[in-house]
Amino acid sequence: MIGNVVSRRYAKALFAVGAAKGEAEQVKYGEQLAAVSASIEEAPEAMAFFKNPAFSAEEKKAVVTKLVEKMSLDQMVRNFCDLLADRGRVEMLPAIASDYKAMMDAVSGVVTGELVTVSELNQERKSAIQAQLEKQAGKKLELSFSTDESILGGIVLKVGDRVMDASLKAQLQILKENIKRGE
């Protein structure tokens, strides 16, 4: 819980700086922040290094500085990463990047969601489903697709904080509850 509050504050600060400089800069900051976050997340040993209290803030800052130099990031994003290293918060970069993306999505009217099915859908079907859901929502939808054989059939759609469970597993559970109650 504390991590969420802290990461949101850092993301909000960078978001405000980006907003003051213009929409193009704001988008660029988000993309670069996501790139740094992805590079840290892709290397589990890097994340372990940043979480390890045995290493000093200076050592962590040196690693962050090398990483940012290789990625040739904007000076503001470099300064932001340096600030995180100084404060011992580099391990929060993935959460900060996620919060920043959520803020960008809210401003641009993009809604993220996930569609779970029993088996993999072909690209044509995915596009059709996404287009239909965007039409119903009246917003741009960033939809990820996954599979889960335990739902037995149907779909589970998660958009924002809402879940629509039209899976066979859920229908069988409802039927089971109705039988127990004698309905």
C-alpha atoms as a PDB file:
ATOM      1  CA  MET A   1       0.000   0.000   0.000  1.00  0.00           C
ATOM      2  CA  ILE A   2       2.759   2.455   0.929  1.00  0.00           C
ATOM      3  CA  GLY A   3       4.610   1.629  -2.293  1.00  0.00           C
ATOM      4  CA  ASN A   4       1.549   2.540  -4.316  1.00  0.00           C
ATOM      5  CA  VAL A   5       1.248   5.941  -2.658  1.00  0.00           C
ATOM      6  CA  VAL A   6       4.940   6.694  -3.087  1.00  0.00           C
ATOM      7  CA  SER A   7       5.106   5.521  -6.710  1.00  0.00           C
ATOM      8  CA  ARG A   8       1.991   7.548  -7.532  1.00  0.00           C
ATOM      9  CA  ARG A   9       3.573  10.679  -6.046  1.00  0.00           C
ATOM     10  CA  TYR A  10       6.748  10.293  -8.093  1.00  0.00           C
ATOM     11  CA  ALA A  11       4.749   9.556 -11.249  1.00  0.00           C
ATOM     12  CA  LYS A  12       2.508  12.537 -10.600  1.00  0.00           C
ATOM     13  CA  ALA A  13       5.534  14.823 -10.159  1.00  0.00           C
ATOM     14  CA  LEU A  14       7.101  13.773 -13.477  1.00  0.00           C
ATOM     15  CA  PHE A  15       3.678  13.911 -15.129  1.00  0.00           C
ATOM     16  CA  ALA A  16       3.214  17.514 -13.949  1.00  0.00           C
ATOM     17  CA  VAL A  17       6.643  18.509 -15.266  1.00  0.00           C
ATOM     18  CA  GLY A  18       5.814  16.910 -18.601  1.00  0.00           C
ATOM     19  CA  ALA A  19       2.445  18.660 -18.722  1.00  0.00           C
ATOM     20  CA  ALA A  20       4.146  22.001 -18.128  1.00  0.00           C
ATOM     21  CA  LYS A  21       6.509  21.363 -21.053  1.00  0.00           C
ATOM     22  CA  GLY A  22       3.785  20.185 -23.425  1.00  0.00           C
ATOM     23  CA  GLU A  23       1.983  17.050 -24.485  1.00  0.00           C
ATOM     24  CA  ALA A  24       4.803  15.827 -26.741  1.00  0.00           C
ATOM     25  CA  GLU A  25       7.306  15.993 -23.868  1.00  0.00           C
ATOM     26  CA  GLN A  26       4.836  14.320 -21.534  1.00  0.00           C
ATOM     27  CA  VAL A  27       4.433  11.402 -23.932  1.00  0.00           C
ATOM     28  CA  LYS A  28       8.207  11.180 -24.459  1.00  0.00           C
ATOM     29  CA  TYR A  29       8.827  11.071 -20.697  1.00  0.00           C
ATOM     30  CA  GLY A  30       6.339   8.227 -20.359  1.00  0.00           C
ATOM     31  CA  GLU A  31       7.911   6.227 -23.179  1.00  0.00           C
ATOM     32  CA  GLN A  32      11.415   6.686 -21.797  1.00  0.00           C
ATOM     33  CA  LEU A  33      10.331   5.866 -18.260  1.00  0.00           C
ATOM     34  CA  ALA A  34       8.705   2.673 -19.553  1.00  0.00           C
ATOM     35  CA  ALA A  35      11.904   1.771 -21.440  1.00  0.00           C
ATOM     36  CA  VAL A  36      14.081   2.181 -18.330  1.00  0.00           C
ATOM     37  CA  SER A  37      11.563   0.217 -16.281  1.00  0.00           C
ATOM     38  CA  ALA A  38      11.460  -2.598 -18.834  1.00  0.00           C
ATOM     39  CA  SER A  39      15.246  -2.842 -18.939  1.00  0.00           C
ATOM     40  CA  ILE A  40      15.373  -3.177 -15.156  1.00  0.00           C
ATOM     41  CA  GLU A  41      12.512  -5.680 -15.024  1.00  0.00           C
ATOM     42  CA  GLU A  42      14.035  -7.833 -17.775  1.00  0.00           C
ATOM     43  CA  ALA A  43      17.140  -8.386 -15.657  1.00  0.00           C
ATOM     44  CA  PRO A  44      16.116  -9.994 -12.346  1.00  0.00           C
ATOM     45  CA  GLU A  45      19.642  -9.525 -11.008  1.00  0.00           C
ATOM     46  CA  ALA A  46      19.345  -5.763 -11.592  1.00  0.00           C
ATOM     47  CA  MET A  47      16.099  -5.621  -9.632  1.00  0.00           C
ATOM     48  CA  ALA A  48      17.689  -7.679  -6.853  1.00  0.00           C
ATOM     49  CA  PHE A  49      20.645  -5.271  -6.824  1.00  0.00           C
ATOM     50  CA  PHE A  50      18.400  -2.222  -6.438  1.00  0.00           C
ATOM     51  CA  LYS A  51      16.351  -3.862  -3.683  1.00  0.00           C
ATOM     52  CA  ASN A  52      19.438  -4.973  -1.733  1.00  0.00           C
ATOM     53  CA  PRO A  53      20.125  -2.608   1.202  1.00  0.00           C
ATOM     54  CA  ALA A  54      23.764  -3.794   1.354  1.00  0.00           C
ATOM     55  CA  PHE A  55      24.585  -1.555  -1.621  1.00  0.00           C
ATOM     56  CA  SER A  56      24.873   2.174  -0.966  1.00  0.00           C
ATOM     57  CA  ALA A  57      22.868   4.866  -2.730  1.00  0.00           C
ATOM     58  CA  GLU A  58      26.067   5.952  -4.515  1.00  0.00           C
ATOM     59  CA  GLU A  59      26.622   2.462  -5.931  1.00  0.00           C
ATOM     60  CA  LYS A  60      23.024   2.263  -7.094  1.00  0.00           C
ATOM     61  CA  LYS A  61      23.244   5.746  -8.597  1.00  0.00           C
ATOM     62  CA  ALA A  62      26.385   4.758 -10.519  1.00  0.00           C
ATOM     63  CA  VAL A  63      24.562   1.779 -12.042  1.00  0.00           C
ATOM     64  CA  VAL A  64      21.513   3.897 -12.894  1.00  0.00           C
ATOM     65  CA  THR A  65      23.744   6.553 -14.466  1.00  0.00           C
ATOM     66  CA  LYS A  66      25.444   3.946 -16.687  1.00  0.00           C
ATOM     67  CA  LEU A  67      22.071   2.518 -17.686  1.00  0.00           C
ATOM     68  CA  VAL A  68      20.585   5.919 -18.568  1.00  0.00           C
ATOM     69  CA  GLU A  69      23.677   6.938 -20.526  1.00  0.00           C
ATOM     70  CA  LYS A  70      23.438   3.798 -22.671  1.00  0.00           C
ATOM     71  CA  MET A  71      19.762   4.480 -23.354  1.00  0.00           C
ATOM     72  CA  SER A  72      20.373   8.149 -24.312  1.00  0.00           C
ATOM     73  CA  LEU A  73      17.366   9.489 -22.429  1.00  0.00           C
ATOM     74  CA  ASP A  74      16.066  13.029 -22.142  1.00  0.00           C
ATOM     75  CA  GLN A  75      17.822  15.091 -19.465  1.00  0.00           C
ATOM     76  CA  MET A  76      14.638  15.367 -17.379  1.00  0.00           C
ATOM     77  CA  VAL A  77      14.206  11.577 -17.260  1.00  0.00           C
ATOM     78  CA  ARG A  78      17.914  11.223 -16.398  1.00  0.00           C
ATOM     79  CA  ASN A  79      17.498  13.667 -13.530  1.00  0.00           C
ATOM     80  CA  PHE A  80      14.388  11.826 -12.392  1.00  0.00           C
ATOM     81  CA  CYS A  81      16.248   8.492 -12.334  1.00  0.00           C
ATOM     82  CA  ASP A  82      19.118  10.139 -10.434  1.00  0.00           C
ATOM     83  CA  LEU A  83      16.622  11.469  -7.895  1.00  0.00           C
ATOM     84  CA  LEU A  84      15.186   7.988  -7.443  1.00  0.00           C
ATOM     85  CA  ALA A  85      18.700   6.614  -6.916  1.00  0.00           C
ATOM     86  CA  ASP A  86      19.498   9.343  -4.384  1.00  0.00           C
ATOM     87  CA  ARG A  87      16.334   8.552  -2.464  1.00  0.00           C
ATOM     88  CA  GLY A  88      16.806   4.773  -2.651  1.00  0.00           C
ATOM     89  CA  ARG A  89      13.681   4.286  -4.769  1.00  0.00           C
ATOM     90  CA  VAL A  90      15.057   2.821  -8.005  1.00  0.00           C
ATOM     91  CA  GLU A  91      13.320  -0.497  -7.357  1.00  0.00           C
ATOM     92  CA  MET A  92      10.041   1.408  -7.602  1.00  0.00           C
ATOM     93  CA  LEU A  93      10.648   2.371 -11.239  1.00  0.00           C
ATOM     94  CA  PRO A  94       8.289  -0.299 -12.660  1.00  0.00           C
ATOM     95  CA  ALA A  95       5.466   0.857 -10.363  1.00  0.00           C
ATOM     96  CA  ILE A  96       6.169   4.511 -11.164  1.00  0.00           C
ATOM     97  CA  ALA A  97       6.160   3.766 -14.914  1.00  0.00           C
ATOM     98  CA  SER A  98       2.865   1.906 -14.523  1.00  0.00           C
ATOM     99  CA  ASP A  99       1.294   4.800 -12.608  1.00  0.00           C
ATOM    100  CA  TYR A 100       2.589   7.281 -15.201  1.00  0.00           C
ATOM    101  CA  LYS A 101       1.049   5.200 -18.003  1.00  0.00           C
ATOM    102  CA  ALA A 102      -2.269   5.097 -16.132  1.00  0.00           C
ATOM    103  CA  MET A 103      -2.209   8.903 -15.882  1.00  0.00           C
ATOM    104  CA  MET A 104      -1.438   9.220 -19.604  1.00  0.00           C
ATOM    105  CA  ASP A 105      -4.256   6.809 -20.436  1.00  0.00           C
ATOM    106  CA  ALA A 106      -6.697   8.773 -18.274  1.00  0.00           C
ATOM    107  CA  VAL A 107      -5.802  12.018 -20.044  1.00  0.00           C
ATOM    108  CA  SER A 108      -6.042  10.515 -23.527  1.00  0.00           C
ATOM    109  CA  GLY A 109      -9.219   8.528 -22.794  1.00  0.00           C
ATOM    110  CA  VAL A 110      -7.630   5.105 -23.236  1.00  0.00           C
ATOM    111  CA  VAL A 111      -8.991   2.233 -21.145  1.00  0.00           C
ATOM    112  CA  THR A 112      -6.935  -0.897 -20.522  1.00  0.00           C
ATOM    113  CA  GLY A 113      -8.394  -4.344 -20.167  1.00  0.00           C
ATOM    114  CA  GLU A 114      -7.799  -8.056 -20.417  1.00  0.00           C
ATOM    115  CA  LEU A 115      -9.831 -10.723 -22.171  1.00  0.00           C
ATOM    116  CA  VAL A 116      -9.377 -14.290 -20.951  1.00  0.00           C
ATOM    117  CA  THR A 117     -10.509 -17.213 -23.091  1.00  0.00           C
ATOM    118  CA  VAL A 118     -10.012 -20.974 -22.950  1.00  0.00           C
ATOM    119  CA  SER A 119      -7.970 -21.152 -26.157  1.00  0.00           C
ATOM    120  CA  GLU A 120      -5.895 -18.733 -28.186  1.00  0.00           C
ATOM    121  CA  LEU A 121      -7.867 -16.500 -30.581  1.00  0.00           C
ATOM    122  CA  ASN A 122      -6.642 -15.678 -34.086  1.00  0.00           C
ATOM    123  CA  GLN A 123      -5.664 -12.086 -34.873  1.00  0.00           C
ATOM    124  CA  GLU A 124      -8.800 -11.444 -36.954  1.00  0.00           C
ATOM    125  CA  ARG A 125     -11.054 -12.492 -34.055  1.00  0.00           C
ATOM    126  CA  LYS A 126      -9.045 -10.400 -31.572  1.00  0.00           C
ATOM    127  CA  SER A 127      -9.394  -7.319 -33.777  1.00  0.00           C
ATOM    128  CA  ALA A 128     -13.151  -7.858 -34.201  1.00  0.00           C
ATOM    129  CA  ILE A 129     -13.685  -8.268 -30.447  1.00  0.00           C
ATOM    130  CA  GLN A 130     -11.599  -5.206 -29.667  1.00  0.00           C
ATOM    131  CA  ALA A 131     -13.461  -3.093 -32.247  1.00  0.00           C
ATOM    132  CA  GLN A 132     -16.841  -4.189 -30.840  1.00  0.00           C
ATOM    133  CA  LEU A 133     -15.787  -3.447 -27.248  1.00  0.00           C
ATOM    134  CA  GLU A 134     -14.419  -0.022 -28.243  1.00  0.00           C
ATOM    135  CA  LYS A 135     -17.716   0.738 -29.972  1.00  0.00           C
ATOM    136  CA  GLN A 136     -19.684  -0.265 -26.854  1.00  0.00           C
ATOM    137  CA  ALA A 137     -17.407   1.639 -24.472  1.00  0.00           C
ATOM    138  CA  GLY A 138     -17.110   4.691 -26.702  1.00  0.00           C
ATOM    139  CA  LYS A 139     -13.405   4.875 -25.830  1.00  0.00           C
ATOM    140  CA  LYS A 140     -10.088   3.594 -27.134  1.00  0.00           C
ATOM    141  CA  LEU A 141      -9.403   0.215 -25.578  1.00  0.00           C
ATOM    142  CA  GLU A 142      -5.961  -1.259 -24.986  1.00  0.00           C
ATOM    143  CA  LEU A 143      -6.818  -4.927 -24.677  1.00  0.00           C
ATOM    144  CA  SER A 144      -4.493  -7.777 -23.776  1.00  0.00           C
ATOM    145  CA  PHE A 145      -5.484 -11.348 -24.484  1.00  0.00           C
ATOM    146  CA  SER A 146      -4.664 -14.404 -22.380  1.00  0.00           C
ATOM    147  CA  THR A 147      -5.817 -17.981 -22.016  1.00  0.00           C
ATOM    148  CA  ASP A 148      -6.915 -19.973 -18.979  1.00  0.00           C
ATOM    149  CA  GLU A 149      -8.201 -23.515 -19.393  1.00  0.00           C
ATOM    150  CA  SER A 150      -9.727 -23.512 -15.907  1.00  0.00           C
ATOM    151  CA  ILE A 151     -12.640 -21.293 -17.051  1.00  0.00           C
ATOM    152  CA  LEU A 152     -13.844 -24.275 -19.166  1.00  0.00           C
ATOM    153  CA  GLY A 153     -15.513 -22.035 -21.787  1.00  0.00           C
ATOM    154  CA  GLY A 154     -16.811 -18.541 -22.429  1.00  0.00           C
ATOM    155  CA  ILE A 155     -14.834 -15.420 -21.553  1.00  0.00           C
ATOM    156  CA  VAL A 156     -13.731 -13.277 -18.633  1.00  0.00           C
ATOM    157  CA  LEU A 157     -13.357  -9.570 -19.437  1.00  0.00           C
ATOM    158  CA  LYS A 158     -11.541  -7.256 -17.042  1.00  0.00           C
ATOM    159  CA  VAL A 159     -11.701  -3.550 -17.865  1.00  0.00           C
ATOM    160  CA  GLY A 160     -10.442  -1.119 -15.283  1.00  0.00           C
ATOM    161  CA  ASP A 161     -11.843  -2.245 -11.944  1.00  0.00           C
ATOM    162  CA  ARG A 162     -14.783  -4.117 -13.502  1.00  0.00           C
ATOM    163  CA  VAL A 163     -14.932  -7.826 -14.254  1.00  0.00           C
ATOM    164  CA  MET A 164     -17.497  -9.501 -16.501  1.00  0.00           C
ATOM    165  CA  ASP A 165     -17.310 -13.240 -15.932  1.00  0.00           C
ATOM    166  CA  ALA A 166     -19.219 -15.070 -18.646  1.00  0.00           C
ATOM    167  CA  SER A 167     -17.220 -18.244 -18.236  1.00  0.00           C
ATOM    168  CA  LEU A 168     -18.696 -21.716 -18.064  1.00  0.00           C
ATOM    169  CA  LYS A 169     -16.978 -22.171 -14.713  1.00  0.00           C
ATOM    170  CA  ALA A 170     -18.846 -19.149 -13.265  1.00  0.00           C
ATOM    171  CA  GLN A 171     -22.166 -20.332 -14.722  1.00  0.00           C
ATOM    172  CA  LEU A 172     -21.670 -23.779 -13.167  1.00  0.00           C
ATOM    173  CA  GLN A 173     -20.844 -22.161  -9.813  1.00  0.00           C
ATOM    174  CA  ILE A 174     -24.075 -20.132  -9.955  1.00  0.00           C
ATOM    175  CA  LEU A 175     -26.033 -23.275 -10.816  1.00  0.00           C
ATOM    176  CA  LYS A 176     -24.385 -25.093  -7.910  1.00  0.00           C
ATOM    177  CA  GLU A 177     -25.337 -22.292  -5.501  1.00  0.00           C
ATOM    178  CA  ASN A 178     -28.933 -22.294  -6.759  1.00  0.00           C
ATOM    179  CA  ILE A 179     -29.185 -26.058  -6.249  1.00  0.00           C
ATOM    180  CA  LYS A 180     -27.833 -25.714  -2.707  1.00  0.00           C
ATOM    181  CA  ARG A 181     -30.462 -23.094  -1.912  1.00  0.00           C
ATOM    182  CA  GLY A 182     -33.175 -25.277  -3.429  1.00  0.00           C
ATOM    183  CA  GLU A 183     -34.170 -22.901  -6.208  1.00  0.00           C
END
